[in-house]
Amino acid sequence: MAIFDEKYRVVAVESQRLVIRGVQSGEILVINAAAEAPLTQEDYPLGKLIALSDPSAAPAN
């Protein structure tokens, strides 16, 4: 299963890091954010269900 085909639950939020767990696989992923765009628990509450998108699949400018 590709990482972009699975849903994830937020398990931890820090100012520059988001920790998520795959619903089906149980795989843990750590996503680092840019320093100028900190993450907050208001944006990513614990338990929130999210999906990842493939940035290479975005249309070209």
Protein backbone atom coordinates (compact mmCIF):
# COMPACT_ATOMS: atom_id res chain seq x y z
CA MET A 1 0.00 0.00 0.00
CA ALA A 2 1.40 3.42 -0.96
CA ILE A 3 1.47 6.15 1.67
CA PHE A 4 -0.88 8.27 -0.45
CA ASP A 5 -3.51 5.49 -0.57
CA GLU A 6 -4.05 5.32 3.19
CA LYS A 7 -5.85 7.43 5.79
CA TYR A 8 -3.96 8.52 8.91
CA ARG A 9 -4.82 9.59 12.45
CA VAL A 10 -2.95 12.40 14.18
CA VAL A 11 -1.17 11.03 17.26
CA ALA A 12 1.10 13.99 18.20
CA VAL A 13 1.56 17.62 17.23
CA GLU A 14 4.59 19.81 17.90
CA SER A 15 5.35 23.22 16.42
CA GLN A 16 7.42 21.77 13.56
CA ARG A 17 6.42 18.09 13.54
CA LEU A 18 3.26 16.07 12.97
CA VAL A 19 3.16 12.40 13.96
CA ILE A 20 0.49 10.28 12.26
CA ARG A 21 -0.42 6.55 12.27
CA GLY A 22 -1.87 4.64 9.32
CA VAL A 23 -5.39 3.41 10.00
CA GLN A 24 -4.91 0.12 8.12
CA SER A 25 -1.14 -0.44 8.30
CA GLY A 26 -0.43 1.02 11.74
CA GLU A 27 2.71 2.59 10.23
CA ILE A 28 3.95 5.71 12.03
CA LEU A 29 5.04 8.71 9.94
CA VAL A 30 6.71 11.89 11.15
CA ILE A 31 6.11 14.94 8.97
CA ASN A 32 8.37 17.96 9.43
CA ALA A 33 6.91 21.39 8.80
CA ALA A 34 8.68 24.53 7.65
CA ALA A 35 9.74 26.84 10.48
CA GLU A 36 7.72 29.72 9.00
CA ALA A 37 4.51 27.64 9.04
CA PRO A 38 4.24 26.04 12.51
CA LEU A 39 1.67 23.33 13.16
CA THR A 40 -0.97 23.72 15.87
CA GLN A 41 -3.35 21.40 17.68
CA GLU A 42 -6.20 23.61 16.48
CA ASP A 43 -5.30 22.66 12.90
CA TYR A 44 -4.47 19.02 13.70
CA PRO A 45 -6.36 17.84 16.80
CA LEU A 46 -5.36 14.47 18.21
CA GLY A 47 -7.34 11.70 16.55
CA LYS A 48 -8.16 13.74 13.44
CA LEU A 49 -8.38 11.60 10.31
CA ILE A 50 -6.28 12.95 7.42
CA ALA A 51 -5.02 11.84 4.00
CA LEU A 52 -1.71 12.70 2.37
CA SER A 53 -1.50 14.02 -1.16
CA ASP A 54 1.31 13.40 -3.62
CA PRO A 55 2.93 16.74 -4.49
CA SER A 56 4.39 15.29 -7.69
CA ALA A 57 0.85 14.66 -8.95
CA ALA A 58 -0.05 18.38 -8.86
CA PRO A 59 -0.53 20.08 -12.23
CA ALA A 60 2.48 22.02 -13.53
CA ASN A 61 2.32 25.81 -13.57
